[in-house]
Amino acid sequence: MNLGLLQKVPDLPEDYLKPGEKRNLYISMEALIGLVLLWIGWLLSPRKWRQRLQVPFIIIALVWVLASPVGLTITLWGLTAPLPGDPGEPVDAIVLLGRGDPTRDYRAAAAQSLWQARRASRIFASGMLDARMLVQTLEEIGIPGSSLAGEECSQSTEENAAFTNAVLRPQGIQRILLVTDGPHMLRSFHIFRSFGFQVIPHPLALPAQLSYPARWGVVLRESLALIKSFFSGQFKLQPLEHLQTSPEVTQKIQAWGCLVKGKGS
């Protein structure tokens, strides 16, 4: 575990740019210069060619802008703008979704801060490759094991919600603070709501150590998954009788030993 992510970052001079920020600035400038050169070339071309190239030019310009850090920022904003705000009220539990090793410590630190702010007395981690590691990390940074639990069976966002529902609903937990990265949040918010949870979203920025291509990969993947989930009906609120845990989920929890508990819980 990288404990450096959990430590306070020292103050930096106002004109200091991190390497990642410099890289993004250079990419933005290159995209802008390329767009200006493309525009000048279009203006200098014969009128008949300008008319023919108008639509291709607009398409190329849009792709050029969207592929830049400016486009990434706009797309990220679009994925989080529809979300309701976090009123800061206490909830029944903090539900922490995983996305693999590069973001694990970052998410654990966010959950730790929310727990210390008394948003909830319990943290529940969800995800096959993340739940156990998140619980262990949270214990290492001072969260009591009695406040921690999770499930390590889910392999998709819908399964995150289904298995979380199977474990938490019998305990009377309905109002949750959902923690995941910004690109993933809108889809997660609606899927967890479809299982009857009262969801307060707490989206996290993507970690600074993620490369620019990796950030775009996450955003593109989540954008496509959002569209797929919408048209497949995953956002529809389930009837009350359908919110009960299915026998298939119950059987998998027992057969796979999905439950994760903190020490002393």
C-alpha atoms as a PDB file:
ATOM      1  CA  MET A   1       0.000   0.000   0.000  1.00  0.00           C
ATOM      2  CA  ASN A   2       1.204   3.457  -0.870  1.00  0.00           C
ATOM      3  CA  LEU A   3       0.836   5.351   2.407  1.00  0.00           C
ATOM      4  CA  GLY A   4       2.124   8.487   0.703  1.00  0.00           C
ATOM      5  CA  LEU A   5      -1.327   8.963  -0.814  1.00  0.00           C
ATOM      6  CA  LEU A   6      -2.790   9.172   2.675  1.00  0.00           C
ATOM      7  CA  GLN A   7      -0.431  11.873   3.898  1.00  0.00           C
ATOM      8  CA  LYS A   8      -0.921  15.618   3.654  1.00  0.00           C
ATOM      9  CA  VAL A   9       0.601  17.118   0.540  1.00  0.00           C
ATOM     10  CA  PRO A  10       3.045  19.948   1.366  1.00  0.00           C
ATOM     11  CA  ASP A  11       2.316  23.482   0.205  1.00  0.00           C
ATOM     12  CA  LEU A  12       3.726  24.322  -3.226  1.00  0.00           C
ATOM     13  CA  PRO A  13       4.616  27.620  -4.885  1.00  0.00           C
ATOM     14  CA  GLU A  14       1.730  29.176  -6.802  1.00  0.00           C
ATOM     15  CA  ASP A  15       3.518  28.877 -10.152  1.00  0.00           C
ATOM     16  CA  TYR A  16       4.416  25.227  -9.638  1.00  0.00           C
ATOM     17  CA  LEU A  17       2.986  22.725 -12.105  1.00  0.00           C
ATOM     18  CA  LYS A  18       3.093  18.996 -11.478  1.00  0.00           C
ATOM     19  CA  PRO A  19       4.514  16.856 -14.301  1.00  0.00           C
ATOM     20  CA  GLY A  20       1.022  15.566 -15.157  1.00  0.00           C
ATOM     21  CA  GLU A  21      -0.343  19.090 -15.281  1.00  0.00           C
ATOM     22  CA  LYS A  22       2.537  20.194 -17.527  1.00  0.00           C
ATOM     23  CA  ARG A  23       1.895  17.252 -19.836  1.00  0.00           C
ATOM     24  CA  ASN A  24      -1.799  18.105 -20.083  1.00  0.00           C
ATOM     25  CA  LEU A  25      -0.942  21.742 -20.753  1.00  0.00           C
ATOM     26  CA  TYR A  26       1.426  20.754 -23.563  1.00  0.00           C
ATOM     27  CA  ILE A  27      -1.207  18.434 -25.073  1.00  0.00           C
ATOM     28  CA  SER A  28      -3.800  21.223 -24.896  1.00  0.00           C
ATOM     29  CA  MET A  29      -1.432  23.664 -26.604  1.00  0.00           C
ATOM     30  CA  GLU A  30      -0.563  21.143 -29.313  1.00  0.00           C
ATOM     31  CA  ALA A  31      -4.267  20.481 -29.941  1.00  0.00           C
ATOM     32  CA  LEU A  32      -4.987  24.222 -30.081  1.00  0.00           C
ATOM     33  CA  ILE A  33      -2.087  24.918 -32.468  1.00  0.00           C
ATOM     34  CA  GLY A  34      -3.132  22.030 -34.690  1.00  0.00           C
ATOM     35  CA  LEU A  35      -6.716  23.262 -34.742  1.00  0.00           C
ATOM     36  CA  VAL A  36      -5.614  26.804 -35.646  1.00  0.00           C
ATOM     37  CA  LEU A  37      -3.402  25.502 -38.473  1.00  0.00           C
ATOM     38  CA  LEU A  38      -6.273  23.391 -39.743  1.00  0.00           C
ATOM     39  CA  TRP A  39      -8.578  26.420 -39.664  1.00  0.00           C
ATOM     40  CA  ILE A  40      -6.035  28.601 -41.508  1.00  0.00           C
ATOM     41  CA  GLY A  41      -5.627  25.916 -44.156  1.00  0.00           C
ATOM     42  CA  TRP A  42      -9.393  25.763 -44.589  1.00  0.00           C
ATOM     43  CA  LEU A  43      -9.606  29.590 -44.931  1.00  0.00           C
ATOM     44  CA  LEU A  44      -6.832  29.674 -47.537  1.00  0.00           C
ATOM     45  CA  SER A  45      -8.364  26.919 -49.659  1.00  0.00           C
ATOM     46  CA  PRO A  46     -10.507  27.806 -52.713  1.00  0.00           C
ATOM     47  CA  ARG A  47     -14.122  28.635 -51.965  1.00  0.00           C
ATOM     48  CA  LYS A  48     -15.492  25.537 -53.663  1.00  0.00           C
ATOM     49  CA  TRP A  49     -13.208  23.381 -51.511  1.00  0.00           C
ATOM     50  CA  ARG A  50     -14.238  25.228 -48.367  1.00  0.00           C
ATOM     51  CA  GLN A  51     -17.865  24.326 -49.067  1.00  0.00           C
ATOM     52  CA  ARG A  52     -16.986  20.697 -49.667  1.00  0.00           C
ATOM     53  CA  LEU A  53     -14.733  20.462 -46.628  1.00  0.00           C
ATOM     54  CA  GLN A  54     -16.988  22.327 -44.196  1.00  0.00           C
ATOM     55  CA  VAL A  55     -18.619  19.237 -42.631  1.00  0.00           C
ATOM     56  CA  PRO A  56     -15.377  17.172 -42.486  1.00  0.00           C
ATOM     57  CA  PHE A  57     -13.626  20.184 -40.950  1.00  0.00           C
ATOM     58  CA  ILE A  58     -16.284  20.494 -38.222  1.00  0.00           C
ATOM     59  CA  ILE A  59     -16.080  16.760 -37.479  1.00  0.00           C
ATOM     60  CA  ILE A  60     -12.267  16.816 -37.305  1.00  0.00           C
ATOM     61  CA  ALA A  61     -12.348  19.919 -35.108  1.00  0.00           C
ATOM     62  CA  LEU A  62     -14.815  18.317 -32.676  1.00  0.00           C
ATOM     63  CA  VAL A  63     -12.754  15.107 -32.457  1.00  0.00           C
ATOM     64  CA  TRP A  64      -9.585  17.172 -32.006  1.00  0.00           C
ATOM     65  CA  VAL A  65     -11.102  19.172 -29.151  1.00  0.00           C
ATOM     66  CA  LEU A  66     -12.686  16.157 -27.441  1.00  0.00           C
ATOM     67  CA  ALA A  67      -9.379  14.285 -27.561  1.00  0.00           C
ATOM     68  CA  SER A  68      -7.623  17.123 -25.715  1.00  0.00           C
ATOM     69  CA  PRO A  69      -7.516  17.683 -21.921  1.00  0.00           C
ATOM     70  CA  VAL A  70     -10.145  20.383 -22.438  1.00  0.00           C
ATOM     71  CA  GLY A  71     -12.411  17.800 -24.045  1.00  0.00           C
ATOM     72  CA  LEU A  72     -11.687  15.366 -21.228  1.00  0.00           C
ATOM     73  CA  THR A  73     -12.688  18.009 -18.676  1.00  0.00           C
ATOM     74  CA  ILE A  74     -15.923  18.750 -20.535  1.00  0.00           C
ATOM     75  CA  THR A  75     -16.784  15.037 -20.779  1.00  0.00           C
ATOM     76  CA  LEU A  76     -16.065  14.481 -17.086  1.00  0.00           C
ATOM     77  CA  TRP A  77     -18.309  17.417 -16.247  1.00  0.00           C
ATOM     78  CA  GLY A  78     -21.072  15.919 -18.396  1.00  0.00           C
ATOM     79  CA  LEU A  79     -20.854  12.630 -16.508  1.00  0.00           C
ATOM     80  CA  THR A  80     -21.218  14.280 -13.097  1.00  0.00           C
ATOM     81  CA  ALA A  81     -23.397  17.375 -13.735  1.00  0.00           C
ATOM     82  CA  PRO A  82     -26.736  15.473 -13.538  1.00  0.00           C
ATOM     83  CA  LEU A  83     -25.912  14.116 -10.069  1.00  0.00           C
ATOM     84  CA  PRO A  84     -27.605  15.597  -6.984  1.00  0.00           C
ATOM     85  CA  GLY A  85     -25.310  17.321  -4.508  1.00  0.00           C
ATOM     86  CA  ASP A  86     -24.079  15.835  -1.256  1.00  0.00           C
ATOM     87  CA  PRO A  87     -25.925  17.619   1.597  1.00  0.00           C
ATOM     88  CA  GLY A  88     -23.433  16.335   4.161  1.00  0.00           C
ATOM     89  CA  GLU A  89     -26.063  14.491   6.195  1.00  0.00           C
ATOM     90  CA  PRO A  90     -25.428  11.257   8.143  1.00  0.00           C
ATOM     91  CA  VAL A  91     -26.339   8.010   6.389  1.00  0.00           C
ATOM     92  CA  ASP A  92     -26.740   4.365   7.349  1.00  0.00           C
ATOM     93  CA  ALA A  93     -23.524   3.259   5.629  1.00  0.00           C
ATOM     94  CA  ILE A  94     -20.728   4.357   3.325  1.00  0.00           C
ATOM     95  CA  VAL A  95     -20.617   2.047   0.288  1.00  0.00           C
ATOM     96  CA  LEU A  96     -17.203   2.002  -1.364  1.00  0.00           C
ATOM     97  CA  LEU A  97     -16.833   0.594  -4.886  1.00  0.00           C
ATOM     98  CA  GLY A  98     -13.492  -0.601  -6.202  1.00  0.00           C
ATOM     99  CA  ARG A  99     -11.705  -0.165  -9.527  1.00  0.00           C
ATOM    100  CA  GLY A 100      -8.476  -2.069  -9.068  1.00  0.00           C
ATOM    101  CA  ASP A 101      -5.077  -1.366  -7.568  1.00  0.00           C
ATOM    102  CA  PRO A 102      -4.259   2.087  -9.098  1.00  0.00           C
ATOM    103  CA  THR A 103      -7.179   3.722  -7.265  1.00  0.00           C
ATOM    104  CA  ARG A 104      -7.487   1.546  -4.153  1.00  0.00           C
ATOM    105  CA  ASP A 105      -5.515   3.626  -1.645  1.00  0.00           C
ATOM    106  CA  TYR A 106      -7.082   6.801  -3.011  1.00  0.00           C
ATOM    107  CA  ARG A 107     -10.591   5.481  -2.400  1.00  0.00           C
ATOM    108  CA  ALA A 108      -9.677   4.165   1.032  1.00  0.00           C
ATOM    109  CA  ALA A 109      -8.414   7.610   2.023  1.00  0.00           C
ATOM    110  CA  ALA A 110     -11.702   9.174   0.872  1.00  0.00           C
ATOM    111  CA  ALA A 111     -13.747   6.659   2.873  1.00  0.00           C
ATOM    112  CA  GLN A 112     -11.539   7.287   5.910  1.00  0.00           C
ATOM    113  CA  SER A 113     -12.228  11.032   5.704  1.00  0.00           C
ATOM    114  CA  LEU A 114     -15.984  10.472   5.442  1.00  0.00           C
ATOM    115  CA  TRP A 115     -15.945   8.076   8.391  1.00  0.00           C
ATOM    116  CA  GLN A 116     -13.934  10.554  10.482  1.00  0.00           C
ATOM    117  CA  ALA A 117     -16.478  13.244   9.562  1.00  0.00           C
ATOM    118  CA  ARG A 118     -19.133  10.979  11.165  1.00  0.00           C
ATOM    119  CA  ARG A 119     -21.093  10.564   7.950  1.00  0.00           C
ATOM    120  CA  ALA A 120     -21.674   6.928   8.913  1.00  0.00           C
ATOM    121  CA  SER A 121     -20.409   4.457  11.474  1.00  0.00           C
ATOM    122  CA  ARG A 122     -20.035   1.684   8.895  1.00  0.00           C
ATOM    123  CA  ILE A 123     -18.096   1.270   5.654  1.00  0.00           C
ATOM    124  CA  PHE A 124     -19.052  -1.461   3.188  1.00  0.00           C
ATOM    125  CA  ALA A 125     -16.629  -2.307   0.348  1.00  0.00           C
ATOM    126  CA  SER A 126     -17.852  -3.979  -2.847  1.00  0.00           C
ATOM    127  CA  GLY A 127     -15.915  -5.665  -5.632  1.00  0.00           C
ATOM    128  CA  MET A 128     -14.294  -9.040  -6.308  1.00  0.00           C
ATOM    129  CA  LEU A 129     -10.743  -7.711  -6.655  1.00  0.00           C
ATOM    130  CA  ASP A 130     -11.037  -4.837  -4.194  1.00  0.00           C
ATOM    131  CA  ALA A 131     -13.278  -5.496  -1.188  1.00  0.00           C
ATOM    132  CA  ARG A 132     -10.821  -7.488   0.922  1.00  0.00           C
ATOM    133  CA  MET A 133      -7.895  -5.197   0.109  1.00  0.00           C
ATOM    134  CA  LEU A 134      -9.974  -2.091   0.841  1.00  0.00           C
ATOM    135  CA  VAL A 135     -11.041  -3.465   4.219  1.00  0.00           C
ATOM    136  CA  GLN A 136      -7.429  -4.327   5.072  1.00  0.00           C
ATOM    137  CA  THR A 137      -6.214  -0.901   3.959  1.00  0.00           C
ATOM    138  CA  LEU A 138      -8.887   0.873   6.004  1.00  0.00           C
ATOM    139  CA  GLU A 139      -7.886  -1.125   9.080  1.00  0.00           C
ATOM    140  CA  GLU A 140      -4.237  -0.213   8.521  1.00  0.00           C
ATOM    141  CA  ILE A 141      -5.072   3.500   8.472  1.00  0.00           C
ATOM    142  CA  GLY A 142      -7.063   3.391  11.678  1.00  0.00           C
ATOM    143  CA  ILE A 143     -10.682   2.397  10.967  1.00  0.00           C
ATOM    144  CA  PRO A 144     -11.897  -0.168  13.575  1.00  0.00           C
ATOM    145  CA  GLY A 145     -12.593  -3.600  12.141  1.00  0.00           C
ATOM    146  CA  SER A 146     -16.021  -3.554  13.762  1.00  0.00           C
ATOM    147  CA  SER A 147     -16.982  -0.699  11.398  1.00  0.00           C
ATOM    148  CA  LEU A 148     -15.889  -2.566   8.259  1.00  0.00           C
ATOM    149  CA  ALA A 149     -17.477  -5.186   6.025  1.00  0.00           C
ATOM    150  CA  GLY A 150     -17.735  -6.011   2.350  1.00  0.00           C
ATOM    151  CA  GLU A 151     -18.456  -8.529  -0.386  1.00  0.00           C
ATOM    152  CA  GLU A 152     -15.987  -9.906  -2.914  1.00  0.00           C
ATOM    153  CA  CYS A 153     -18.308 -11.652  -5.384  1.00  0.00           C
ATOM    154  CA  SER A 154     -19.407  -8.811  -7.662  1.00  0.00           C
ATOM    155  CA  GLN A 155     -17.770  -8.413 -11.067  1.00  0.00           C
ATOM    156  CA  SER A 156     -19.882  -5.567 -12.465  1.00  0.00           C
ATOM    157  CA  THR A 157     -21.679  -2.456 -11.251  1.00  0.00           C
ATOM    158  CA  GLU A 158     -25.036  -4.230 -11.354  1.00  0.00           C
ATOM    159  CA  GLU A 159     -23.581  -7.048  -9.257  1.00  0.00           C
ATOM    160  CA  ASN A 160     -22.081  -4.443  -6.886  1.00  0.00           C
ATOM    161  CA  ALA A 161     -25.635  -3.278  -6.255  1.00  0.00           C
ATOM    162  CA  ALA A 162     -27.191  -6.754  -6.145  1.00  0.00           C
ATOM    163  CA  PHE A 163     -24.723  -8.197  -3.622  1.00  0.00           C
ATOM    164  CA  THR A 164     -24.646  -5.021  -1.542  1.00  0.00           C
ATOM    165  CA  ASN A 165     -28.449  -5.163  -1.433  1.00  0.00           C
ATOM    166  CA  ALA A 166     -28.347  -8.829  -0.387  1.00  0.00           C
ATOM    167  CA  VAL A 167     -26.045  -8.057   2.558  1.00  0.00           C
ATOM    168  CA  LEU A 168     -27.237  -4.640   3.726  1.00  0.00           C
ATOM    169  CA  ARG A 169     -31.011  -4.704   3.187  1.00  0.00           C
ATOM    170  CA  PRO A 170     -31.629  -7.427   5.827  1.00  0.00           C
ATOM    171  CA  GLN A 171     -29.723  -5.163   8.255  1.00  0.00           C
ATOM    172  CA  GLY A 172     -32.175  -2.318   7.644  1.00  0.00           C
ATOM    173  CA  ILE A 173     -29.678  -0.176   5.710  1.00  0.00           C
ATOM    174  CA  GLN A 174     -31.380   1.976   3.074  1.00  0.00           C
ATOM    175  CA  ARG A 175     -29.689   5.387   3.005  1.00  0.00           C
ATOM    176  CA  ILE A 176     -26.141   5.111   1.694  1.00  0.00           C
ATOM    177  CA  LEU A 177     -23.270   7.406   0.757  1.00  0.00           C
ATOM    178  CA  LEU A 178     -21.938   5.951  -2.489  1.00  0.00           C
ATOM    179  CA  VAL A 179     -18.219   6.462  -3.169  1.00  0.00           C
ATOM    180  CA  THR A 180     -16.611   5.851  -6.546  1.00  0.00           C
ATOM    181  CA  ASP A 181     -14.828   7.881  -9.230  1.00  0.00           C
ATOM    182  CA  GLY A 182     -16.660  10.595 -11.138  1.00  0.00           C
ATOM    183  CA  PRO A 183     -16.940   8.789 -14.507  1.00  0.00           C
ATOM    184  CA  HIS A 184     -18.411   5.712 -12.782  1.00  0.00           C
ATOM    185  CA  MET A 185     -20.765   7.574 -10.448  1.00  0.00           C
ATOM    186  CA  LEU A 186     -23.751   8.428 -12.650  1.00  0.00           C
ATOM    187  CA  ARG A 187     -24.240   4.811 -13.737  1.00  0.00           C
ATOM    188  CA  SER A 188     -23.638   3.509 -10.204  1.00  0.00           C
ATOM    189  CA  PHE A 189     -26.037   6.063  -8.714  1.00  0.00           C
ATOM    190  CA  HIS A 190     -28.948   4.978 -10.918  1.00  0.00           C
ATOM    191  CA  ILE A 191     -28.267   1.240 -10.604  1.00  0.00           C
ATOM    192  CA  PHE A 192     -28.102   1.380  -6.795  1.00  0.00           C
ATOM    193  CA  ARG A 193     -31.291   3.462  -6.778  1.00  0.00           C
ATOM    194  CA  SER A 194     -32.995   0.798  -8.888  1.00  0.00           C
ATOM    195  CA  PHE A 195     -32.390  -1.620  -5.997  1.00  0.00           C
ATOM    196  CA  GLY A 196     -34.289   0.667  -3.630  1.00  0.00           C
ATOM    197  CA  PHE A 197     -31.378   2.416  -1.926  1.00  0.00           C
ATOM    198  CA  GLN A 198     -31.596   6.094  -1.068  1.00  0.00           C
ATOM    199  CA  VAL A 199     -28.312   7.157  -2.624  1.00  0.00           C
ATOM    200  CA  ILE A 200     -26.199  10.208  -1.868  1.00  0.00           C
ATOM    201  CA  PRO A 201     -23.401  10.314  -4.470  1.00  0.00           C
ATOM    202  CA  HIS A 202     -19.875  11.231  -3.416  1.00  0.00           C
ATOM    203  CA  PRO A 203     -17.848  11.186  -6.664  1.00  0.00           C
ATOM    204  CA  LEU A 204     -14.055  11.237  -6.529  1.00  0.00           C
ATOM    205  CA  ALA A 205     -11.701  12.803  -9.043  1.00  0.00           C
ATOM    206  CA  LEU A 206      -9.544  10.345 -10.949  1.00  0.00           C
ATOM    207  CA  PRO A 207      -6.156   9.926  -9.213  1.00  0.00           C
ATOM    208  CA  ALA A 208      -3.405  12.218 -10.455  1.00  0.00           C
ATOM    209  CA  GLN A 209      -1.079   9.272 -11.132  1.00  0.00           C
ATOM    210  CA  LEU A 210      -3.348   7.929 -13.891  1.00  0.00           C
ATOM    211  CA  SER A 211      -1.895   8.708 -17.299  1.00  0.00           C
ATOM    212  CA  TYR A 212      -3.807  10.815 -19.806  1.00  0.00           C
ATOM    213  CA  PRO A 213      -4.628   7.804 -22.065  1.00  0.00           C
ATOM    214  CA  ALA A 214      -5.755   5.849 -18.993  1.00  0.00           C
ATOM    215  CA  ARG A 215      -8.087   8.691 -17.983  1.00  0.00           C
ATOM    216  CA  TRP A 216      -9.603   8.804 -21.448  1.00  0.00           C
ATOM    217  CA  GLY A 217      -9.953   5.020 -21.372  1.00  0.00           C
ATOM    218  CA  VAL A 218     -11.960   5.202 -18.143  1.00  0.00           C
ATOM    219  CA  VAL A 219     -14.156   8.034 -19.437  1.00  0.00           C
ATOM    220  CA  LEU A 220     -14.843   6.325 -22.777  1.00  0.00           C
ATOM    221  CA  ARG A 221     -15.595   2.977 -21.145  1.00  0.00           C
ATOM    222  CA  GLU A 222     -17.978   4.537 -18.619  1.00  0.00           C
ATOM    223  CA  SER A 223     -19.721   6.648 -21.262  1.00  0.00           C
ATOM    224  CA  LEU A 224     -20.441   3.558 -23.374  1.00  0.00           C
ATOM    225  CA  ALA A 225     -21.487   1.551 -20.302  1.00  0.00           C
ATOM    226  CA  LEU A 226     -23.843   4.357 -19.239  1.00  0.00           C
ATOM    227  CA  ILE A 227     -25.603   4.250 -22.621  1.00  0.00           C
ATOM    228  CA  LYS A 228     -25.814   0.447 -22.517  1.00  0.00           C
ATOM    229  CA  SER A 229     -27.216   0.419 -18.963  1.00  0.00           C
ATOM    230  CA  PHE A 230     -29.837   3.012 -19.853  1.00  0.00           C
ATOM    231  CA  PHE A 231     -31.162   1.174 -22.901  1.00  0.00           C
ATOM    232  CA  SER A 232     -31.040  -2.231 -21.178  1.00  0.00           C
ATOM    233  CA  GLY A 233     -33.369  -0.984 -18.442  1.00  0.00           C
ATOM    234  CA  GLN A 234     -30.913  -1.247 -15.545  1.00  0.00           C
ATOM    235  CA  PHE A 235     -31.963   2.177 -14.241  1.00  0.00           C
ATOM    236  CA  LYS A 236     -35.635   1.280 -13.788  1.00  0.00           C
ATOM    237  CA  LEU A 237     -36.780   1.138 -10.168  1.00  0.00           C
ATOM    238  CA  GLN A 238     -37.514  -2.459  -9.275  1.00  0.00           C
ATOM    239  CA  PRO A 239     -40.940  -3.341  -7.819  1.00  0.00           C
ATOM    240  CA  LEU A 240     -40.800  -3.882  -4.063  1.00  0.00           C
ATOM    241  CA  GLU A 241     -41.290  -7.637  -4.368  1.00  0.00           C
ATOM    242  CA  HIS A 242     -38.288  -7.827  -6.729  1.00  0.00           C
ATOM    243  CA  LEU A 243     -35.962  -6.122  -4.253  1.00  0.00           C
ATOM    244  CA  GLN A 244     -35.767  -9.230  -2.123  1.00  0.00           C
ATOM    245  CA  THR A 245     -32.509 -11.123  -2.546  1.00  0.00           C
ATOM    246  CA  SER A 246     -32.733 -13.709  -5.303  1.00  0.00           C
ATOM    247  CA  PRO A 247     -31.932 -17.351  -4.462  1.00  0.00           C
ATOM    248  CA  GLU A 248     -29.109 -17.231  -7.027  1.00  0.00           C
ATOM    249  CA  VAL A 249     -27.390 -14.361  -5.200  1.00  0.00           C
ATOM    250  CA  THR A 250     -27.888 -16.008  -1.801  1.00  0.00           C
ATOM    251  CA  GLN A 251     -26.474 -19.293  -3.087  1.00  0.00           C
ATOM    252  CA  LYS A 252     -23.425 -17.587  -4.583  1.00  0.00           C
ATOM    253  CA  ILE A 253     -22.714 -15.686  -1.345  1.00  0.00           C
ATOM    254  CA  GLN A 254     -22.725 -18.955   0.581  1.00  0.00           C
ATOM    255  CA  ALA A 255     -20.880 -21.066  -1.995  1.00  0.00           C
ATOM    256  CA  TRP A 256     -18.177 -18.518  -2.797  1.00  0.00           C
ATOM    257  CA  GLY A 257     -17.695 -17.217   0.729  1.00  0.00           C
ATOM    258  CA  CYS A 258     -18.253 -13.675  -0.493  1.00  0.00           C
ATOM    259  CA  LEU A 259     -18.507 -11.866   2.816  1.00  0.00           C
ATOM    260  CA  VAL A 260     -15.552  -9.848   4.056  1.00  0.00           C
ATOM    261  CA  LYS A 261     -15.328  -8.728   7.675  1.00  0.00           C
ATOM    262  CA  GLY A 262     -12.960  -6.493   9.561  1.00  0.00           C
ATOM    263  CA  LYS A 263     -11.086  -7.770  12.574  1.00  0.00           C
ATOM    264  CA  GLY A 264     -13.264  -7.870  15.645  1.00  0.00           C
ATOM    265  CA  SER A 265     -16.525  -7.641  13.707  1.00  0.00           C
END
